[in-house]
Amino acid sequence: KAYAFGLMTQDIMKECDIKTTGAQRSAVDGKVASLQPEMTLVEAPLRESLKGRTERCPPAAKVDVYEENVRSFIAMPVDEFVTMMDRKEAEKNAAPKL
């Protein structure tokens, strides 16, 4: 999950009108590079699946959440980041649908 988030974030930083700093871009690139050796077998299929995303850029209403996730991705160890993302996903799925 962390590697997929990192790859997606690299694309978003290149393609979308999201404010980022050079330090953030470098930190994301560094974290993705550190994960890459253990992702060699799944990298090509993962990149291919990311190309098929219909929403390439975060909607305006979710930019704050995206930016918070990027800060967490940069600051947290990978295991903690994955745990946080899993928790957020579980909370979202448990929330009543309106």
Protein backbone atom coordinates (compact mmCIF):
# COMPACT_ATOMS: atom_id res chain seq x y z
CA LYS A 1 0.00 0.00 0.00
CA ALA A 2 2.77 2.45 0.83
CA TYR A 3 4.53 1.81 -2.48
CA ALA A 4 1.28 2.23 -4.43
CA PHE A 5 0.55 5.46 -2.54
CA GLY A 6 4.06 6.70 -3.28
CA LEU A 7 3.79 5.96 -7.01
CA MET A 8 0.37 7.59 -7.16
CA THR A 9 1.69 10.61 -5.27
CA GLN A 10 4.59 10.99 -7.69
CA ASP A 11 2.08 11.08 -10.56
CA ILE A 12 -0.20 13.53 -8.74
CA MET A 13 2.72 15.85 -7.98
CA LYS A 14 3.64 15.88 -11.68
CA GLU A 15 0.17 16.11 -13.21
CA CYS A 16 -2.09 17.98 -10.79
CA ASP A 17 -2.37 21.51 -9.50
CA ILE A 18 -1.42 20.60 -5.94
CA LYS A 19 0.98 22.76 -3.97
CA THR A 20 4.12 20.84 -3.06
CA THR A 21 7.63 21.84 -2.11
CA GLY A 22 10.86 20.56 -3.57
CA ALA A 23 11.58 18.96 -0.20
CA GLN A 24 8.26 17.08 -0.27
CA ARG A 25 8.86 15.85 -3.81
CA SER A 26 12.38 14.74 -2.91
CA ALA A 27 11.14 12.98 0.24
CA VAL A 28 8.44 11.12 -1.69
CA ASP A 29 10.91 10.13 -4.41
CA GLY A 30 13.36 8.92 -1.76
CA LYS A 31 10.78 6.85 0.07
CA VAL A 32 9.55 5.26 -3.18
CA ALA A 33 13.15 4.49 -4.17
CA SER A 34 13.78 2.86 -0.78
CA LEU A 35 10.74 0.59 -1.25
CA GLN A 36 11.43 -0.23 -4.91
CA PRO A 37 13.89 -3.13 -4.42
CA GLU A 38 11.30 -5.20 -2.56
CA MET A 39 8.56 -4.29 -5.05
CA THR A 40 10.34 -5.40 -8.22
CA LEU A 41 7.95 -8.28 -8.93
CA VAL A 42 4.79 -6.23 -8.55
CA GLU A 43 5.98 -2.88 -9.89
CA ALA A 44 4.94 -3.31 -13.54
CA PRO A 45 1.40 -4.57 -12.78
CA LEU A 46 1.00 -1.92 -10.09
CA ARG A 47 2.06 0.90 -12.42
CA GLU A 48 -0.31 -0.47 -15.07
CA SER A 49 -3.24 -0.51 -12.62
CA LEU A 50 -2.46 3.07 -11.56
CA LYS A 51 -2.59 4.18 -15.19
CA GLY A 52 -6.21 3.01 -15.28
CA ARG A 53 -7.35 5.33 -12.50
CA THR A 54 -10.25 7.48 -13.58
CA GLU A 55 -9.57 10.19 -10.99
CA ARG A 56 -6.00 11.28 -11.64
CA CYS A 57 -6.10 14.29 -9.31
CA PRO A 58 -7.73 14.58 -5.89
CA PRO A 59 -11.04 16.46 -6.03
CA ALA A 60 -10.87 19.94 -4.51
CA ALA A 61 -12.89 18.79 -1.48
CA LYS A 62 -10.27 16.12 -0.67
CA VAL A 63 -7.03 18.05 -1.26
CA ASP A 64 -6.57 18.67 2.48
CA VAL A 65 -6.88 14.94 3.23
CA TYR A 66 -4.47 14.11 0.41
CA GLU A 67 -1.92 16.66 1.66
CA GLU A 68 -2.20 15.25 5.19
CA ASN A 69 -1.61 11.74 3.83
CA VAL A 70 1.47 12.93 1.93
CA ARG A 71 2.89 14.50 5.10
CA SER A 72 2.24 11.23 6.95
CA PHE A 73 3.80 9.17 4.15
CA ILE A 74 6.95 11.29 4.37
CA ALA A 75 7.16 11.41 8.18
CA MET A 76 6.08 7.93 9.24
CA PRO A 77 7.84 4.60 9.00
CA VAL A 78 6.22 2.49 6.27
CA ASP A 79 4.51 0.06 8.68
CA GLU A 80 2.93 2.91 10.65
CA PHE A 81 1.75 4.61 7.45
CA VAL A 82 0.12 1.39 6.19
CA THR A 83 -1.57 0.87 9.57
CA MET A 84 -2.89 4.44 9.49
CA MET A 85 -4.22 4.05 5.93
CA ASP A 86 -5.86 0.71 6.82
CA ARG A 87 -7.51 2.34 9.84
CA LYS A 88 -8.81 5.25 7.74
CA GLU A 89 -10.15 2.84 5.13
CA ALA A 90 -11.90 0.74 7.80
CA GLU A 91 -13.45 3.87 9.33
CA LYS A 92 -14.64 5.03 5.92
CA ASN A 93 -16.16 1.63 5.16
CA ALA A 94 -17.84 1.48 8.59
CA ALA A 95 -19.41 4.92 8.25
CA PRO A 96 -23.11 4.85 7.38
CA LYS A 97 -23.83 5.56 3.75
CA LEU A 98 -26.10 8.57 3.27
